[in-house]
Amino acid sequence: MATKPIASLSPPNPIPGLKIYRWANLTLNDDGAILELPYLADKTVQVYGTFGASGKVVIQGSNKISDYVWTTLSNPQGDPLDFTTSKIQQILENPFVIRPIVTDGDGTTDLEVIILCRG
């Protein structure tokens, strides 16, 4: 298991109040570096790439400021944010910290997670 770094992305035409972050090359049992942006309450997550056999990414959050207790976040319909195919979902909750974690997959699993945030 490795913690993959998070990268800040810049759109070609910057938009005030908009932030975009990406975790790349997530493989089986990898998690992403922690994203701490509770002041930007509107968040949308996109997952894509090679899922492999039974690949799954879960988006987790925690409100603890240390010794995080991770909980799977939800979309506005109340469904858990666990991705087994490429798609985009809005994040219902606005926790203190967020991260992706690859919980299932195989040797071919190679995923990217992008979160768009605005406040």
PDB file of N, CA and C in Angstrom:
ATOM      1  N   MET A   1       0.839  -1.178   0.000  1.00  0.00           N
ATOM      2  CA  MET A   1       0.000   0.000   0.000  1.00  0.00           C
ATOM      3  C   MET A   1       0.885   1.242   0.000  1.00  0.00           C
ATOM      4  N   ALA A   2       0.558   2.159  -0.895  1.00  0.00           N
ATOM      5  CA  ALA A   2       1.293   3.419  -0.974  1.00  0.00           C
ATOM      6  C   ALA A   2       0.313   4.583  -0.895  1.00  0.00           C
ATOM      7  N   THR A   3       0.765   5.669  -0.315  1.00  0.00           N
ATOM      8  CA  THR A   3      -0.028   6.892  -0.320  1.00  0.00           C
ATOM      9  C   THR A   3       0.442   7.730  -1.495  1.00  0.00           C
ATOM     10  N   LYS A   4      -0.451   7.934  -2.455  1.00  0.00           N
ATOM     11  CA  LYS A   4      -0.109   8.677  -3.665  1.00  0.00           C
ATOM     12  C   LYS A   4      -0.280  10.178  -3.420  1.00  0.00           C
ATOM     13  N   PRO A   5       0.618  10.980  -3.987  1.00  0.00           N
ATOM     14  CA  PRO A   5       0.537  12.429  -3.778  1.00  0.00           C
ATOM     15  C   PRO A   5      -0.658  13.031  -4.501  1.00  0.00           C
ATOM     16  N   ILE A   6      -1.028  14.190  -4.048  1.00  0.00           N
ATOM     17  CA  ILE A   6      -2.112  14.940  -4.675  1.00  0.00           C
ATOM     18  C   ILE A   6      -1.485  16.097  -5.452  1.00  0.00           C
ATOM     19  N   ALA A   7      -2.033  16.353  -6.637  1.00  0.00           N
ATOM     20  CA  ALA A   7      -1.539  17.454  -7.466  1.00  0.00           C
ATOM     21  C   ALA A   7      -2.645  18.477  -7.662  1.00  0.00           C
ATOM     22  N   SER A   8      -2.278  19.725  -7.616  1.00  0.00           N
ATOM     23  CA  SER A   8      -3.214  20.804  -7.900  1.00  0.00           C
ATOM     24  C   SER A   8      -3.168  21.077  -9.406  1.00  0.00           C
ATOM     25  N   LEU A   9      -4.330  21.128 -10.035  1.00  0.00           N
ATOM     26  CA  LEU A   9      -4.415  21.369 -11.478  1.00  0.00           C
ATOM     27  C   LEU A   9      -4.922  22.782 -11.728  1.00  0.00           C
ATOM     28  N   SER A  10      -4.471  23.375 -12.811  1.00  0.00           N
ATOM     29  CA  SER A  10      -4.914  24.715 -13.194  1.00  0.00           C
ATOM     30  C   SER A  10      -5.654  24.639 -14.516  1.00  0.00           C
ATOM     31  N   PRO A  11      -6.922  25.066 -14.530  1.00  0.00           N
ATOM     32  CA  PRO A  11      -7.630  25.084 -15.812  1.00  0.00           C
ATOM     33  C   PRO A  11      -7.028  26.143 -16.735  1.00  0.00           C
ATOM     34  N   PRO A  12      -7.205  25.989 -18.050  1.00  0.00           N
ATOM     35  CA  PRO A  12      -6.619  26.950 -18.998  1.00  0.00           C
ATOM     36  C   PRO A  12      -7.097  28.382 -18.758  1.00  0.00           C
ATOM     37  N   ASN A  13      -8.340  28.525 -18.359  1.00  0.00           N
ATOM     38  CA  ASN A  13      -8.892  29.842 -18.033  1.00  0.00           C
ATOM     39  C   ASN A  13      -9.303  29.820 -16.568  1.00  0.00           C
ATOM     40  N   PRO A  14      -8.440  30.282 -15.661  1.00  0.00           N
ATOM     41  CA  PRO A  14      -8.735  30.203 -14.230  1.00  0.00           C
ATOM     42  C   PRO A  14     -10.080  30.828 -13.869  1.00  0.00           C
ATOM     43  N   ILE A  15     -10.778  30.171 -12.948  1.00  0.00           N
ATOM     44  CA  ILE A  15     -12.080  30.623 -12.474  1.00  0.00           C
ATOM     45  C   ILE A  15     -11.941  30.914 -10.980  1.00  0.00           C
ATOM     46  N   PRO A  16     -12.262  32.121 -10.552  1.00  0.00           N
ATOM     47  CA  PRO A  16     -12.130  32.455  -9.131  1.00  0.00           C
ATOM     48  C   PRO A  16     -12.946  31.497  -8.257  1.00  0.00           C
ATOM     49  N   GLY A  17     -12.343  31.045  -7.156  1.00  0.00           N
ATOM     50  CA  GLY A  17     -13.026  30.178  -6.206  1.00  0.00           C
ATOM     51  C   GLY A  17     -13.062  28.716  -6.589  1.00  0.00           C
ATOM     52  N   LEU A  18     -12.454  28.344  -7.709  1.00  0.00           N
ATOM     53  CA  LEU A  18     -12.464  26.960  -8.179  1.00  0.00           C
ATOM     54  C   LEU A  18     -11.099  26.327  -7.956  1.00  0.00           C
ATOM     55  N   LYS A  19     -11.092  25.129  -7.390  1.00  0.00           N
ATOM     56  CA  LYS A  19      -9.853  24.367  -7.180  1.00  0.00           C
ATOM     57  C   LYS A  19     -10.060  22.970  -7.744  1.00  0.00           C
ATOM     58  N   ILE A  20      -9.016  22.425  -8.369  1.00  0.00           N
ATOM     59  CA  ILE A  20      -9.079  21.070  -8.925  1.00  0.00           C
ATOM     60  C   ILE A  20      -7.847  20.310  -8.447  1.00  0.00           C
ATOM     61  N   TYR A  21      -8.075  19.088  -7.958  1.00  0.00           N
ATOM     62  CA  TYR A  21      -6.993  18.254  -7.436  1.00  0.00           C
ATOM     63  C   TYR A  21      -7.081  16.856  -8.040  1.00  0.00           C
ATOM     64  N   ARG A  22      -5.905  16.221  -8.214  1.00  0.00           N
ATOM     65  CA  ARG A  22      -5.854  14.891  -8.834  1.00  0.00           C
ATOM     66  C   ARG A  22      -4.896  13.967  -8.096  1.00  0.00           C
ATOM     67  N   TRP A  23      -5.352  12.739  -7.935  1.00  0.00           N
ATOM     68  CA  TRP A  23      -4.493  11.642  -7.493  1.00  0.00           C
ATOM     69  C   TRP A  23      -4.342  10.724  -8.690  1.00  0.00           C
ATOM     70  N   ALA A  24      -3.123  10.412  -9.097  1.00  0.00           N
ATOM     71  CA  ALA A  24      -2.880   9.595 -10.291  1.00  0.00           C
ATOM     72  C   ALA A  24      -2.236   8.267  -9.909  1.00  0.00           C
ATOM     73  N   ASN A  25      -2.366   7.314 -10.813  1.00  0.00           N
ATOM     74  CA  ASN A  25      -1.712   6.006 -10.700  1.00  0.00           C
ATOM     75  C   ASN A  25      -2.037   5.277  -9.397  1.00  0.00           C
ATOM     76  N   LEU A  26      -3.310   5.305  -9.016  1.00  0.00           N
ATOM     77  CA  LEU A  26      -3.759   4.567  -7.838  1.00  0.00           C
ATOM     78  C   LEU A  26      -3.932   3.097  -8.211  1.00  0.00           C
ATOM     79  N   THR A  27      -3.248   2.234  -7.483  1.00  0.00           N
ATOM     80  CA  THR A  27      -3.335   0.795  -7.725  1.00  0.00           C
ATOM     81  C   THR A  27      -3.920   0.117  -6.483  1.00  0.00           C
ATOM     82  N   LEU A  28      -4.084  -1.188  -6.545  1.00  0.00           N
ATOM     83  CA  LEU A  28      -4.713  -1.933  -5.458  1.00  0.00           C
ATOM     84  C   LEU A  28      -4.079  -1.595  -4.110  1.00  0.00           C
ATOM     85  N   ASN A  29      -4.913  -1.253  -3.146  1.00  0.00           N
ATOM     86  CA  ASN A  29      -4.554  -0.915  -1.764  1.00  0.00           C
ATOM     87  C   ASN A  29      -3.883   0.446  -1.597  1.00  0.00           C
ATOM     88  N   ASP A  30      -3.758   1.226  -2.663  1.00  0.00           N
ATOM     89  CA  ASP A  30      -3.227   2.583  -2.531  1.00  0.00           C
ATOM     90  C   ASP A  30      -4.301   3.506  -1.966  1.00  0.00           C
ATOM     91  N   ASP A  31      -3.852   4.510  -1.238  1.00  0.00           N
ATOM     92  CA  ASP A  31      -4.744   5.595  -0.857  1.00  0.00           C
ATOM     93  C   ASP A  31      -4.132   6.890  -1.367  1.00  0.00           C
ATOM     94  N   GLY A  32      -4.906   7.963  -1.277  1.00  0.00           N
ATOM     95  CA  GLY A  32      -4.415   9.250  -1.734  1.00  0.00           C
ATOM     96  C   GLY A  32      -4.032  10.133  -0.569  1.00  0.00           C
ATOM     97  N   ALA A  33      -3.080  11.011  -0.799  1.00  0.00           N
ATOM     98  CA  ALA A  33      -2.717  12.002   0.210  1.00  0.00           C
ATOM     99  C   ALA A  33      -3.970  12.786   0.598  1.00  0.00           C
ATOM    100  N   ILE A  34      -3.979  13.264   1.798  1.00  0.00           N
ATOM    101  CA  ILE A  34      -5.168  13.901   2.362  1.00  0.00           C
ATOM    102  C   ILE A  34      -5.410  15.271   1.739  1.00  0.00           C
ATOM    103  N   LEU A  35      -6.681  15.516   1.382  1.00  0.00           N
ATOM    104  CA  LEU A  35      -7.124  16.813   0.875  1.00  0.00           C
ATOM    105  C   LEU A  35      -7.899  17.502   1.990  1.00  0.00           C
ATOM    106  N   GLU A  36      -7.434  18.672   2.393  1.00  0.00           N
ATOM    107  CA  GLU A  36      -8.051  19.426   3.486  1.00  0.00           C
ATOM    108  C   GLU A  36      -8.594  20.736   2.928  1.00  0.00           C
ATOM    109  N   LEU A  37      -9.886  20.738   2.587  1.00  0.00           N
ATOM    110  CA  LEU A  37     -10.525  21.942   2.037  1.00  0.00           C
ATOM    111  C   LEU A  37     -11.965  22.082   2.527  1.00  0.00           C
ATOM    112  N   PRO A  38     -12.207  22.094   3.829  1.00  0.00           N
ATOM    113  CA  PRO A  38     -13.585  22.176   4.290  1.00  0.00           C
ATOM    114  C   PRO A  38     -14.252  23.513   3.967  1.00  0.00           C
ATOM    115  N   TYR A  39     -13.460  24.543   3.660  1.00  0.00           N
ATOM    116  CA  TYR A  39     -14.038  25.848   3.344  1.00  0.00           C
ATOM    117  C   TYR A  39     -14.609  25.906   1.921  1.00  0.00           C
ATOM    118  N   LEU A  40     -14.361  24.868   1.113  1.00  0.00           N
ATOM    119  CA  LEU A  40     -14.956  24.772  -0.219  1.00  0.00           C
ATOM    120  C   LEU A  40     -15.985  23.644  -0.172  1.00  0.00           C
ATOM    121  N   ALA A  41     -17.224  23.992   0.111  1.00  0.00           N
ATOM    122  CA  ALA A  41     -18.249  23.004   0.437  1.00  0.00           C
ATOM    123  C   ALA A  41     -18.790  22.232  -0.769  1.00  0.00           C
ATOM    124  N   ASP A  42     -18.700  22.773  -1.956  1.00  0.00           N
ATOM    125  CA  ASP A  42     -19.254  22.132  -3.150  1.00  0.00           C
ATOM    126  C   ASP A  42     -18.153  21.313  -3.813  1.00  0.00           C
ATOM    127  N   LYS A  43     -18.289  19.972  -3.774  1.00  0.00           N
ATOM    128  CA  LYS A  43     -17.251  19.092  -4.320  1.00  0.00           C
ATOM    129  C   LYS A  43     -17.863  18.037  -5.238  1.00  0.00           C
ATOM    130  N   THR A  44     -17.183  17.802  -6.352  1.00  0.00           N
ATOM    131  CA  THR A  44     -17.565  16.767  -7.308  1.00  0.00           C
ATOM    132  C   THR A  44     -16.335  15.919  -7.583  1.00  0.00           C
ATOM    133  N   VAL A  45     -16.520  14.592  -7.612  1.00  0.00           N
ATOM    134  CA  VAL A  45     -15.404  13.672  -7.811  1.00  0.00           C
ATOM    135  C   VAL A  45     -15.603  12.879  -9.101  1.00  0.00           C
ATOM    136  N   GLN A  46     -14.519  12.695  -9.842  1.00  0.00           N
ATOM    137  CA  GLN A  46     -14.518  11.865 -11.040  1.00  0.00           C
ATOM    138  C   GLN A  46     -13.456  10.788 -10.877  1.00  0.00           C
ATOM    139  N   VAL A  47     -13.833   9.553 -11.232  1.00  0.00           N
ATOM    140  CA  VAL A  47     -12.901   8.427 -11.210  1.00  0.00           C
ATOM    141  C   VAL A  47     -12.861   7.826 -12.610  1.00  0.00           C
ATOM    142  N   TYR A  48     -11.654   7.526 -13.102  1.00  0.00           N
ATOM    143  CA  TYR A  48     -11.515   6.896 -14.414  1.00  0.00           C
ATOM    144  C   TYR A  48     -10.186   6.154 -14.477  1.00  0.00           C
ATOM    145  N   GLY A  49     -10.051   5.343 -15.497  1.00  0.00           N
ATOM    146  CA  GLY A  49      -8.822   4.588 -15.698  1.00  0.00           C
ATOM    147  C   GLY A  49      -9.110   3.122 -15.887  1.00  0.00           C
ATOM    148  N   THR A  50      -8.130   2.280 -15.577  1.00  0.00           N
ATOM    149  CA  THR A  50      -8.272   0.831 -15.712  1.00  0.00           C
ATOM    150  C   THR A  50      -8.645   0.254 -14.356  1.00  0.00           C
ATOM    151  N   PHE A  51      -9.854  -0.280 -14.258  1.00  0.00           N
ATOM    152  CA  PHE A  51     -10.326  -0.843 -12.995  1.00  0.00           C
ATOM    153  C   PHE A  51      -9.809  -2.262 -12.781  1.00  0.00           C
ATOM    154  N   GLY A  52      -9.536  -2.993 -13.881  1.00  0.00           N
ATOM    155  CA  GLY A  52      -9.087  -4.376 -13.740  1.00  0.00           C
ATOM    156  C   GLY A  52     -10.220  -5.241 -13.216  1.00  0.00           C
ATOM    157  N   ALA A  53      -9.881  -6.419 -12.692  1.00  0.00           N
ATOM    158  CA  ALA A  53     -10.886  -7.336 -12.163  1.00  0.00           C
ATOM    159  C   ALA A  53     -11.394  -6.810 -10.821  1.00  0.00           C
ATOM    160  N   SER A  54     -12.660  -6.463 -10.772  1.00  0.00           N
ATOM    161  CA  SER A  54     -13.327  -6.024  -9.542  1.00  0.00           C
ATOM    162  C   SER A  54     -12.734  -4.767  -8.933  1.00  0.00           C
ATOM    163  N   GLY A  55     -12.125  -3.902  -9.728  1.00  0.00           N
ATOM    164  CA  GLY A  55     -11.526  -2.680  -9.200  1.00  0.00           C
ATOM    165  C   GLY A  55     -12.560  -1.777  -8.547  1.00  0.00           C
ATOM    166  N   LYS A  56     -12.177  -1.173  -7.428  1.00  0.00           N
ATOM    167  CA  LYS A  56     -13.093  -0.275  -6.722  1.00  0.00           C
ATOM    168  C   LYS A  56     -12.319   0.797  -5.980  1.00  0.00           C
ATOM    169  N   VAL A  57     -12.767   2.046  -6.117  1.00  0.00           N
ATOM    170  CA  VAL A  57     -12.235   3.185  -5.372  1.00  0.00           C
ATOM    171  C   VAL A  57     -13.342   3.690  -4.458  1.00  0.00           C
ATOM    172  N   VAL A  58     -12.999   3.936  -3.210  1.00  0.00           N
ATOM    173  CA  VAL A  58     -13.926   4.484  -2.228  1.00  0.00           C
ATOM    174  C   VAL A  58     -13.440   5.880  -1.853  1.00  0.00           C
ATOM    175  N   ILE A  59     -14.369   6.839  -1.776  1.00  0.00           N
ATOM    176  CA  ILE A  59     -14.037   8.196  -1.341  1.00  0.00           C
ATOM    177  C   ILE A  59     -14.415   8.294   0.131  1.00  0.00           C
ATOM    178  N   GLN A  60     -13.418   8.609   0.949  1.00  0.00           N
ATOM    179  CA  GLN A  60     -13.612   8.637   2.396  1.00  0.00           C
ATOM    180  C   GLN A  60     -13.383  10.038   2.951  1.00  0.00           C
ATOM    181  N   GLY A  61     -13.956  10.282   4.123  1.00  0.00           N
ATOM    182  CA  GLY A  61     -13.754  11.547   4.798  1.00  0.00           C
ATOM    183  C   GLY A  61     -13.679  11.360   6.299  1.00  0.00           C
ATOM    184  N   SER A  62     -13.185  12.389   6.981  1.00  0.00           N
ATOM    185  CA  SER A  62     -13.114  12.384   8.440  1.00  0.00           C
ATOM    186  C   SER A  62     -13.213  13.819   8.943  1.00  0.00           C
ATOM    187  N   ASN A  63     -13.873  13.972  10.087  1.00  0.00           N
ATOM    188  CA  ASN A  63     -13.945  15.276  10.737  1.00  0.00           C
ATOM    189  C   ASN A  63     -12.968  15.405  11.887  1.00  0.00           C
ATOM    190  N   LYS A  64     -12.236  14.344  12.201  1.00  0.00           N
ATOM    191  CA  LYS A  64     -11.209  14.437  13.239  1.00  0.00           C
ATOM    192  C   LYS A  64     -10.017  15.207  12.674  1.00  0.00           C
ATOM    193  N   ILE A  65      -9.391  16.006  13.501  1.00  0.00           N
ATOM    194  CA  ILE A  65      -8.270  16.810  13.002  1.00  0.00           C
ATOM    195  C   ILE A  65      -6.929  16.101  13.142  1.00  0.00           C
ATOM    196  N   SER A  66      -6.929  14.925  13.762  1.00  0.00           N
ATOM    197  CA  SER A  66      -5.755  14.061  13.812  1.00  0.00           C
ATOM    198  C   SER A  66      -6.254  12.647  14.086  1.00  0.00           C
ATOM    199  N   ASP A  67      -5.404  11.654  13.882  1.00  0.00           N
ATOM    200  CA  ASP A  67      -5.829  10.254  14.074  1.00  0.00           C
ATOM    201  C   ASP A  67      -7.181  10.020  13.399  1.00  0.00           C
ATOM    202  N   TYR A  68      -7.215  10.267  12.108  1.00  0.00           N
ATOM    203  CA  TYR A  68      -8.463  10.247  11.334  1.00  0.00           C
ATOM    204  C   TYR A  68      -9.237   8.941  11.499  1.00  0.00           C
ATOM    205  N   VAL A  69     -10.549   9.064  11.571  1.00  0.00           N
ATOM    206  CA  VAL A  69     -11.461   7.927  11.534  1.00  0.00           C
ATOM    207  C   VAL A  69     -12.179   8.031  10.195  1.00  0.00           C
ATOM    208  N   TRP A  70     -11.813   7.151   9.253  1.00  0.00           N
ATOM    209  CA  TRP A  70     -12.305   7.252   7.881  1.00  0.00           C
ATOM    210  C   TRP A  70     -13.688   6.629   7.744  1.00  0.00           C
ATOM    211  N   THR A  71     -14.569   7.348   7.017  1.00  0.00           N
ATOM    212  CA  THR A  71     -15.923   6.900   6.736  1.00  0.00           C
ATOM    213  C   THR A  71     -16.194   7.131   5.254  1.00  0.00           C
ATOM    214  N   THR A  72     -16.872   6.185   4.618  1.00  0.00           N
ATOM    215  CA  THR A  72     -17.227   6.339   3.207  1.00  0.00           C
ATOM    216  C   THR A  72     -18.233   7.473   3.051  1.00  0.00           C
ATOM    217  N   LEU A  73     -17.938   8.396   2.137  1.00  0.00           N
ATOM    218  CA  LEU A  73     -18.830   9.517   1.857  1.00  0.00           C
ATOM    219  C   LEU A  73     -19.955   9.081   0.920  1.00  0.00           C
ATOM    220  N   SER A  74     -20.949   9.957   0.738  1.00  0.00           N
ATOM    221  CA  SER A  74     -22.146   9.634  -0.048  1.00  0.00           C
ATOM    222  C   SER A  74     -22.374  10.659  -1.149  1.00  0.00           C
ATOM    223  N   ASN A  75     -23.181  10.265  -2.132  1.00  0.00           N
ATOM    224  CA  ASN A  75     -23.670  11.214  -3.123  1.00  0.00           C
ATOM    225  C   ASN A  75     -24.992  11.797  -2.600  1.00  0.00           C
ATOM    226  N   PRO A  76     -25.581  12.794  -3.273  1.00  0.00           N
ATOM    227  CA  PRO A  76     -26.809  13.412  -2.767  1.00  0.00           C
ATOM    228  C   PRO A  76     -28.000  12.444  -2.634  1.00  0.00           C
ATOM    229  N   GLN A  77     -27.958  11.302  -3.317  1.00  0.00           N
ATOM    230  CA  GLN A  77     -29.028  10.315  -3.199  1.00  0.00           C
ATOM    231  C   GLN A  77     -28.826   9.401  -1.985  1.00  0.00           C
ATOM    232  N   GLY A  78     -27.699   9.569  -1.285  1.00  0.00           N
ATOM    233  CA  GLY A  78     -27.404   8.761  -0.111  1.00  0.00           C
ATOM    234  C   GLY A  78     -26.645   7.485  -0.423  1.00  0.00           C
ATOM    235  N   ASP A  79     -26.256   7.293  -1.679  1.00  0.00           N
ATOM    236  CA  ASP A  79     -25.493   6.108  -2.069  1.00  0.00           C
ATOM    237  C   ASP A  79     -24.020   6.318  -1.729  1.00  0.00           C
ATOM    238  N   PRO A  80     -23.331   5.247  -1.307  1.00  0.00           N
ATOM    239  CA  PRO A  80     -21.909   5.393  -0.986  1.00  0.00           C
ATOM    240  C   PRO A  80     -21.088   5.732  -2.225  1.00  0.00           C
ATOM    241  N   LEU A  81     -20.051   6.532  -2.032  1.00  0.00           N
ATOM    242  CA  LEU A  81     -19.143   6.879  -3.121  1.00  0.00           C
ATOM    243  C   LEU A  81     -18.089   5.785  -3.248  1.00  0.00           C
ATOM    244  N   ASP A  82     -18.520   4.661  -3.829  1.00  0.00           N
ATOM    245  CA  ASP A  82     -17.605   3.564  -4.150  1.00  0.00           C
ATOM    246  C   ASP A  82     -17.749   3.295  -5.637  1.00  0.00           C
ATOM    247  N   PHE A  83     -16.699   3.591  -6.366  1.00  0.00           N
ATOM    248  CA  PHE A  83     -16.701   3.569  -7.824  1.00  0.00           C
ATOM    249  C   PHE A  83     -16.157   2.246  -8.344  1.00  0.00           C
ATOM    250  N   THR A  84     -16.940   1.565  -9.178  1.00  0.00           N
ATOM    251  CA  THR A  84     -16.479   0.350  -9.850  1.00  0.00           C
ATOM    252  C   THR A  84     -16.418   0.546 -11.365  1.00  0.00           C
ATOM    253  N   THR A  85     -16.838   1.724 -11.806  1.00  0.00           N
ATOM    254  CA  THR A  85     -16.739   2.124 -13.211  1.00  0.00           C
ATOM    255  C   THR A  85     -16.429   3.621 -13.246  1.00  0.00           C
ATOM    256  N   SER A  86     -16.030   4.100 -14.402  1.00  0.00           N
ATOM    257  CA  SER A  86     -15.751   5.523 -14.566  1.00  0.00           C
ATOM    258  C   SER A  86     -17.049   6.316 -14.459  1.00  0.00           C
ATOM    259  N   LYS A  87     -17.039   7.354 -13.639  1.00  0.00           N
ATOM    260  CA  LYS A  87     -18.194   8.248 -13.542  1.00  0.00           C
ATOM    261  C   LYS A  87     -17.846   9.459 -12.702  1.00  0.00           C
ATOM    262  N   ILE A  88     -18.780  10.414 -12.685  1.00  0.00           N
ATOM    263  CA  ILE A  88     -18.670  11.637 -11.900  1.00  0.00           C
ATOM    264  C   ILE A  88     -19.833  11.678 -10.925  1.00  0.00           C
ATOM    265  N   GLN A  89     -19.535  12.027  -9.664  1.00  0.00           N
ATOM    266  CA  GLN A  89     -20.570  12.114  -8.632  1.00  0.00           C
ATOM    267  C   GLN A  89     -20.324  13.348  -7.767  1.00  0.00           C
ATOM    268  N   GLN A  90     -21.395  13.956  -7.322  1.00  0.00           N
ATOM    269  CA  GLN A  90     -21.282  15.032  -6.351  1.00  0.00           C
ATOM    270  C   GLN A  90     -21.090  14.408  -4.969  1.00  0.00           C
ATOM    271  N   ILE A  91     -20.343  15.096  -4.098  1.00  0.00           N
ATOM    272  CA  ILE A  91     -20.124  14.634  -2.732  1.00  0.00           C
ATOM    273  C   ILE A  91     -21.101  15.366  -1.819  1.00  0.00           C
ATOM    274  N   LEU A  92     -21.920  14.614  -1.091  1.00  0.00           N
ATOM    275  CA  LEU A  92     -22.930  15.208  -0.214  1.00  0.00           C
ATOM    276  C   LEU A  92     -22.306  15.876   1.010  1.00  0.00           C
ATOM    277  N   GLU A  93     -21.419  15.181   1.691  1.00  0.00           N
ATOM    278  CA  GLU A  93     -20.848  15.691   2.932  1.00  0.00           C
ATOM    279  C   GLU A  93     -19.691  16.653   2.660  1.00  0.00           C
ATOM    280  N   ASN A  94     -19.361  17.422   3.679  1.00  0.00           N
ATOM    281  CA  ASN A  94     -18.232  18.338   3.591  1.00  0.00           C
ATOM    282  C   ASN A  94     -17.321  18.130   4.802  1.00  0.00           C
ATOM    283  N   PRO A  95     -16.597  16.996   4.841  1.00  0.00           N
ATOM    284  CA  PRO A  95     -15.756  16.714   6.002  1.00  0.00           C
ATOM    285  C   PRO A  95     -14.484  17.561   6.010  1.00  0.00           C
ATOM    286  N   PHE A  96     -13.805  17.508   7.131  1.00  0.00           N
ATOM    287  CA  PHE A  96     -12.545  18.235   7.305  1.00  0.00           C
ATOM    288  C   PHE A  96     -11.485  17.759   6.309  1.00  0.00           C
ATOM    289  N   VAL A  97     -11.361  16.429   6.120  1.00  0.00           N
ATOM    290  CA  VAL A  97     -10.394  15.867   5.181  1.00  0.00           C
ATOM    291  C   VAL A  97     -11.061  14.803   4.304  1.00  0.00           C
ATOM    292  N   ILE A  98     -10.504  14.626   3.098  1.00  0.00           N
ATOM    293  CA  ILE A  98     -11.011  13.646   2.127  1.00  0.00           C
ATOM    294  C   ILE A  98      -9.819  12.911   1.533  1.00  0.00           C
ATOM    295  N   ARG A  99     -10.051  11.640   1.178  1.00  0.00           N
ATOM    296  CA  ARG A  99      -9.043  10.869   0.438  1.00  0.00           C
ATOM    297  C   ARG A  99      -9.741   9.772  -0.357  1.00  0.00           C
ATOM    298  N   PRO A 100      -9.123   9.322  -1.463  1.00  0.00           N
ATOM    299  CA  PRO A 100      -9.580   8.109  -2.136  1.00  0.00           C
ATOM    300  C   PRO A 100      -8.767   6.919  -1.636  1.00  0.00           C
ATOM    301  N   ILE A 101      -9.347   5.730  -1.720  1.00  0.00           N
ATOM    302  CA  ILE A 101      -8.612   4.505  -1.411  1.00  0.00           C
ATOM    303  C   ILE A 101      -9.098   3.411  -2.355  1.00  0.00           C
ATOM    304  N   VAL A 102      -8.151   2.681  -2.944  1.00  0.00           N
ATOM    305  CA  VAL A 102      -8.487   1.571  -3.846  1.00  0.00           C
ATOM    306  C   VAL A 102      -8.610   0.321  -2.975  1.00  0.00           C
ATOM    307  N   THR A 103      -9.831  -0.202  -2.856  1.00  0.00           N
ATOM    308  CA  THR A 103     -10.084  -1.328  -1.960  1.00  0.00           C
ATOM    309  C   THR A 103     -10.118  -2.673  -2.659  1.00  0.00           C
ATOM    310  N   ASP A 104     -10.326  -2.670  -3.973  1.00  0.00           N
ATOM    311  CA  ASP A 104     -10.365  -3.921  -4.739  1.00  0.00           C
ATOM    312  C   ASP A 104      -9.725  -3.694  -6.095  1.00  0.00           C
ATOM    313  N   GLY A 105      -9.286  -4.784  -6.709  1.00  0.00           N
ATOM    314  CA  GLY A 105      -8.688  -4.715  -8.033  1.00  0.00           C
ATOM    315  C   GLY A 105      -7.698  -5.839  -8.229  1.00  0.00           C
ATOM    316  N   ASP A 106      -6.861  -5.692  -9.250  1.00  0.00           N
ATOM    317  CA  ASP A 106      -5.834  -6.685  -9.547  1.00  0.00           C
ATOM    318  C   ASP A 106      -4.574  -5.971 -10.020  1.00  0.00           C
ATOM    319  N   GLY A 107      -3.667  -6.697 -10.610  1.00  0.00           N
ATOM    320  CA  GLY A 107      -2.401  -6.127 -11.050  1.00  0.00           C
ATOM    321  C   GLY A 107      -2.519  -5.114 -12.175  1.00  0.00           C
ATOM    322  N   THR A 108      -3.682  -5.049 -12.839  1.00  0.00           N
ATOM    323  CA  THR A 108      -3.861  -4.081 -13.925  1.00  0.00           C
ATOM    324  C   THR A 108      -4.565  -2.807 -13.463  1.00  0.00           C
ATOM    325  N   THR A 109      -5.065  -2.781 -12.240  1.00  0.00           N
ATOM    326  CA  THR A 109      -5.797  -1.619 -11.733  1.00  0.00           C
ATOM    327  C   THR A 109      -4.874  -0.400 -11.705  1.00  0.00           C
ATOM    328  N   ASP A 110      -5.309   0.682 -12.364  1.00  0.00           N
ATOM    329  CA  ASP A 110      -4.545   1.929 -12.453  1.00  0.00           C
ATOM    330  C   ASP A 110      -5.545   3.055 -12.654  1.00  0.00           C
ATOM    331  N   LEU A 111      -5.846   3.776 -11.591  1.00  0.00           N
ATOM    332  CA  LEU A 111      -6.959   4.732 -11.607  1.00  0.00           C
ATOM    333  C   LEU A 111      -6.511   6.147 -11.298  1.00  0.00           C
ATOM    334  N   GLU A 112      -7.324   7.105 -11.744  1.00  0.00           N
ATOM    335  CA  GLU A 112      -7.132   8.504 -11.408  1.00  0.00           C
ATOM    336  C   GLU A 112      -8.415   9.015 -10.766  1.00  0.00           C
ATOM    337  N   VAL A 113      -8.238   9.879  -9.789  1.00  0.00           N
ATOM    338  CA  VAL A 113      -9.368  10.503  -9.087  1.00  0.00           C
ATOM    339  C   VAL A 113      -9.141  12.010  -9.145  1.00  0.00           C
ATOM    340  N   ILE A 114     -10.167  12.732  -9.595  1.00  0.00           N
ATOM    341  CA  ILE A 114     -10.097  14.188  -9.653  1.00  0.00           C
ATOM    342  C   ILE A 114     -11.252  14.748  -8.837  1.00  0.00           C
ATOM    343  N   ILE A 115     -10.951  15.729  -7.994  1.00  0.00           N
ATOM    344  CA  ILE A 115     -11.988  16.427  -7.233  1.00  0.00           C
ATOM    345  C   ILE A 115     -11.963  17.890  -7.627  1.00  0.00           C
ATOM    346  N   LEU A 116     -13.138  18.376  -8.001  1.00  0.00           N
ATOM    347  CA  LEU A 116     -13.345  19.786  -8.323  1.00  0.00           C
ATOM    348  C   LEU A 116     -14.058  20.402  -7.124  1.00  0.00           C
ATOM    349  N   CYS A 117     -13.527  21.491  -6.589  1.00  0.00           N
ATOM    350  CA  CYS A 117     -14.079  22.118  -5.393  1.00  0.00           C
ATOM    351  C   CYS A 117     -14.348  23.603  -5.671  1.00  0.00           C
ATOM    352  N   ARG A 118     -15.425  24.093  -5.117  1.00  0.00           N
ATOM    353  CA  ARG A 118     -15.682  25.532  -5.179  1.00  0.00           C
ATOM    354  C   ARG A 118     -16.428  25.955  -3.929  1.00  0.00           C
ATOM    355  N   GLY A 119     -16.292  27.202  -3.598  1.00  0.00           N
ATOM    356  CA  GLY A 119     -16.914  27.677  -2.355  1.00  0.00           C
ATOM    357  C   GLY A 119     -17.594  28.994  -2.536  1.00  0.00           C
TER     358      GLY A 119
END
